């Protein structure tokens, strides 16, 4: 797997939604229910700021390994117990096309994150995220990730229901994280970081 330059690859919904539907159909033999598709799209939107921060079509922020190529860039991880926000350079998988990335994401979630998948097909966004956390998919706080995926799921449910102008959620990850950590007792301050 060669290293490639880290390249921003915006993923507009007009391309992402049909690519996800086709990948789901190819993997499972049928189109997904809107509730299931909205959870998957919501998780990817949360991971890459609604496609605006997507790098090399890595929708799910998969670390180096599963993609055909890889790249590296600065990111935020939550390390330690209690978790501490840590900025570092990490190596991530990279895909040459949106379609190849979505195919991998659907297959990986279905085949390797069974606890998460079983909750997604029931329309349970929080259970889906808990299943991802159980398998070490992400390092961030569970409650923050769940809240973000729920908000994006709701956006995609409206979009998939042909709402002419679904409202994009306002998520400020830094302040949302601090507020959630403060309410769970993992942060020793009432003031979110500036």
Protein backbone atom coordinates (compact mmCIF):
# COMPACT_ATOMS: atom_id res chain seq x y z
CA UNK A 1 0.00 0.00 0.00
CA UNK A 2 1.67 3.23 -1.09
CA UNK A 3 1.50 6.49 0.78
CA UNK A 4 -0.43 9.16 -1.10
CA UNK A 5 -0.80 12.88 -0.40
CA UNK A 6 -3.54 13.77 2.05
CA UNK A 7 -6.12 15.34 -0.23
CA UNK A 8 -9.43 16.87 0.78
CA UNK A 9 -12.24 15.06 -1.04
CA UNK A 10 -15.55 16.77 -0.29
CA UNK A 11 -18.47 14.34 -0.44
CA UNK A 12 -21.74 16.11 -1.25
CA UNK A 13 -24.96 14.32 -0.36
CA UNK A 14 -25.92 14.24 -4.04
CA UNK A 15 -23.03 11.79 -4.60
CA UNK A 16 -22.85 10.13 -1.18
CA UNK A 17 -26.47 9.00 -0.83
CA UNK A 18 -26.68 7.08 -4.13
CA UNK A 19 -23.19 5.62 -3.60
CA UNK A 20 -24.24 4.35 -0.16
CA UNK A 21 -27.47 2.88 -1.52
CA UNK A 22 -25.62 1.05 -4.30
CA UNK A 23 -22.93 -0.28 -1.94
CA UNK A 24 -25.59 -1.50 0.48
CA UNK A 25 -27.44 -3.21 -2.36
CA UNK A 26 -24.22 -4.85 -3.59
CA UNK A 27 -23.26 -6.09 -0.09
CA UNK A 28 -26.68 -7.18 1.19
CA UNK A 29 -28.80 -7.72 -1.90
CA UNK A 30 -31.43 -5.11 -1.06
CA UNK A 31 -31.72 -1.37 -0.54
CA UNK A 32 -31.53 -0.11 3.04
CA UNK A 33 -34.48 1.26 4.98
CA UNK A 34 -34.23 5.03 5.36
CA UNK A 35 -33.64 4.67 9.12
CA UNK A 36 -30.65 2.39 8.55
CA UNK A 37 -29.16 4.50 5.77
CA UNK A 38 -29.63 7.67 7.85
CA UNK A 39 -27.63 6.16 10.72
CA UNK A 40 -24.76 5.14 8.44
CA UNK A 41 -24.73 8.51 6.67
CA UNK A 42 -25.02 10.25 10.05
CA UNK A 43 -21.95 8.48 11.36
CA UNK A 44 -19.92 9.39 8.28
CA UNK A 45 -21.13 13.01 8.44
CA UNK A 46 -20.10 13.20 12.08
CA UNK A 47 -16.67 11.73 11.30
CA UNK A 48 -15.88 14.12 8.43
CA UNK A 49 -17.91 17.28 9.09
CA UNK A 50 -20.67 16.48 6.60
CA UNK A 51 -18.12 15.60 3.94
CA UNK A 52 -16.31 18.92 4.14
CA UNK A 53 -13.33 17.51 6.05
CA UNK A 54 -13.20 14.19 4.23
CA UNK A 55 -9.66 13.20 3.26
CA UNK A 56 -9.01 10.70 0.45
CA UNK A 57 -12.65 9.53 0.64
CA UNK A 58 -12.07 8.07 4.10
CA UNK A 59 -15.63 8.63 5.33
CA UNK A 60 -15.25 6.67 8.53
CA UNK A 61 -11.79 7.89 9.58
CA UNK A 62 -10.34 4.37 9.28
CA UNK A 63 -6.76 4.18 10.46
CA UNK A 64 -4.10 2.88 8.05
CA UNK A 65 -4.63 -0.68 6.96
CA UNK A 66 -7.88 -1.50 5.23
CA UNK A 67 -7.63 0.85 2.24
CA UNK A 68 -5.62 0.34 -0.90
CA UNK A 69 -3.45 3.35 -0.02
CA UNK A 70 -2.74 5.50 3.03
CA UNK A 71 -2.03 9.10 3.96
CA UNK A 72 -1.19 10.98 7.14
CA UNK A 73 -2.52 14.19 8.64
CA UNK A 74 -3.08 15.91 11.96
CA UNK A 75 -6.13 14.82 13.93
CA UNK A 76 -7.56 14.72 17.43
CA UNK A 77 -7.62 11.55 19.50
CA UNK A 78 -8.90 11.02 23.03
CA UNK A 79 -6.29 9.10 25.01
CA UNK A 80 -6.02 7.91 28.59
CA UNK A 81 -8.40 7.40 31.47
CA UNK A 82 -9.98 9.86 31.94
CA UNK A 83 -9.71 10.70 28.23
CA UNK A 84 -7.59 13.69 27.29
CA UNK A 85 -7.93 15.48 23.97
CA UNK A 86 -4.64 14.91 22.12
CA UNK A 87 -3.60 16.45 18.81
CA UNK A 88 -1.33 14.21 16.77
CA UNK A 89 -0.45 13.04 13.27
CA UNK A 90 -2.03 9.69 12.40
CA UNK A 91 -1.95 7.44 9.37
CA UNK A 92 -5.30 6.83 7.68
CA UNK A 93 -6.52 4.59 4.90
CA UNK A 94 -7.09 6.29 1.55
CA UNK A 95 -9.39 5.36 -1.32
CA UNK A 96 -9.20 6.53 -4.93
CA UNK A 97 -12.98 6.99 -5.35
CA UNK A 98 -16.05 7.66 -3.26
CA UNK A 99 -17.63 4.44 -4.52
CA UNK A 100 -14.69 2.26 -3.41
CA UNK A 101 -14.69 3.92 0.00
CA UNK A 102 -18.42 3.47 0.55
CA UNK A 103 -18.21 -0.18 -0.55
CA UNK A 104 -15.49 -0.76 2.04
CA UNK A 105 -17.38 1.08 4.79
CA UNK A 106 -20.59 -0.91 4.30
CA UNK A 107 -18.71 -4.21 4.09
CA UNK A 108 -16.54 -3.42 7.12
CA UNK A 109 -19.45 -2.35 9.30
CA UNK A 110 -21.53 -5.38 8.26
CA UNK A 111 -18.73 -7.96 8.61
CA UNK A 112 -16.57 -6.62 11.46
CA UNK A 113 -18.76 -4.47 13.69
CA UNK A 114 -21.61 -6.89 14.25
CA UNK A 115 -22.81 -5.35 17.53
CA UNK A 116 -23.06 -1.95 15.86
CA UNK A 117 -24.65 -3.32 12.69
CA UNK A 118 -27.31 -5.25 14.60
CA UNK A 119 -28.40 -2.01 16.29
CA UNK A 120 -28.30 0.05 13.07
CA UNK A 121 -30.71 -2.30 11.31
CA UNK A 122 -33.11 -1.76 14.21
CA UNK A 123 -32.87 2.02 13.75
CA UNK A 124 -31.01 2.43 17.07
CA UNK A 125 -28.37 5.13 16.53
CA UNK A 126 -27.15 5.13 20.15
CA UNK A 127 -26.80 1.34 20.14
CA UNK A 128 -24.96 1.52 16.82
CA UNK A 129 -22.43 3.98 18.28
CA UNK A 130 -22.08 1.92 21.47
CA UNK A 131 -21.29 -1.11 19.30
CA UNK A 132 -18.61 0.87 17.48
CA UNK A 133 -17.09 1.98 20.80
CA UNK A 134 -17.15 -1.61 22.09
CA UNK A 135 -14.91 -2.66 19.17
CA UNK A 136 -12.55 0.33 19.55
CA UNK A 137 -13.73 2.13 16.42
CA UNK A 138 -13.26 5.58 17.96
CA UNK A 139 -11.42 7.12 20.91
CA UNK A 140 -13.74 10.04 21.67
CA UNK A 141 -16.34 10.19 24.42
CA UNK A 142 -19.33 7.91 23.77
CA UNK A 143 -22.00 10.49 24.65
CA UNK A 144 -20.53 13.10 22.31
CA UNK A 145 -20.32 10.63 19.43
CA UNK A 146 -23.88 9.42 20.07
CA UNK A 147 -25.25 12.97 20.12
CA UNK A 148 -23.45 13.84 16.89
CA UNK A 149 -24.65 10.74 15.05
CA UNK A 150 -28.23 11.31 16.27
CA UNK A 151 -28.23 14.88 14.98
CA UNK A 152 -26.89 13.85 11.59
CA UNK A 153 -29.25 10.86 11.45
CA UNK A 154 -32.16 13.27 11.88
CA UNK A 155 -30.79 15.46 9.07
CA UNK A 156 -30.56 12.46 6.74
CA UNK A 157 -34.00 11.15 7.70
CA UNK A 158 -35.41 14.51 6.58
CA UNK A 159 -33.30 14.47 3.42
CA UNK A 160 -34.32 10.91 2.54
CA UNK A 161 -37.97 11.82 3.13
CA UNK A 162 -37.54 14.50 0.44
CA UNK A 163 -37.70 17.44 2.84
CA UNK A 164 -36.93 20.34 0.48
CA UNK A 165 -34.47 21.94 2.90
CA UNK A 166 -33.44 19.85 5.90
CA UNK A 167 -31.65 21.89 8.53
CA UNK A 168 -28.01 20.98 8.91
CA UNK A 169 -27.22 20.40 12.59
CA UNK A 170 -25.14 22.95 14.37
CA UNK A 171 -22.39 20.95 16.00
CA UNK A 172 -19.39 22.65 17.48
CA UNK A 173 -17.35 19.55 18.40
CA UNK A 174 -14.99 21.34 20.77
CA UNK A 175 -17.74 22.93 22.85
CA UNK A 176 -20.07 19.94 22.57
CA UNK A 177 -17.29 17.70 23.81
CA UNK A 178 -16.43 19.94 26.73
CA UNK A 179 -20.08 20.35 27.72
CA UNK A 180 -20.71 16.60 27.59
CA UNK A 181 -17.56 15.78 29.51
CA UNK A 182 -18.48 18.36 32.16
CA UNK A 183 -21.94 16.84 32.62
CA UNK A 184 -20.49 13.34 32.92
CA UNK A 185 -17.90 14.42 35.47
CA UNK A 186 -14.94 13.71 33.20
CA UNK A 187 -13.97 17.37 32.93
CA UNK A 188 -13.17 19.43 36.01
CA UNK A 189 -14.47 22.73 34.70
CA UNK A 190 -17.83 24.27 33.86
CA UNK A 191 -16.26 26.42 31.15
CA UNK A 192 -15.88 24.94 27.67
CA UNK A 193 -12.48 25.50 26.05
CA UNK A 194 -12.11 28.69 24.05
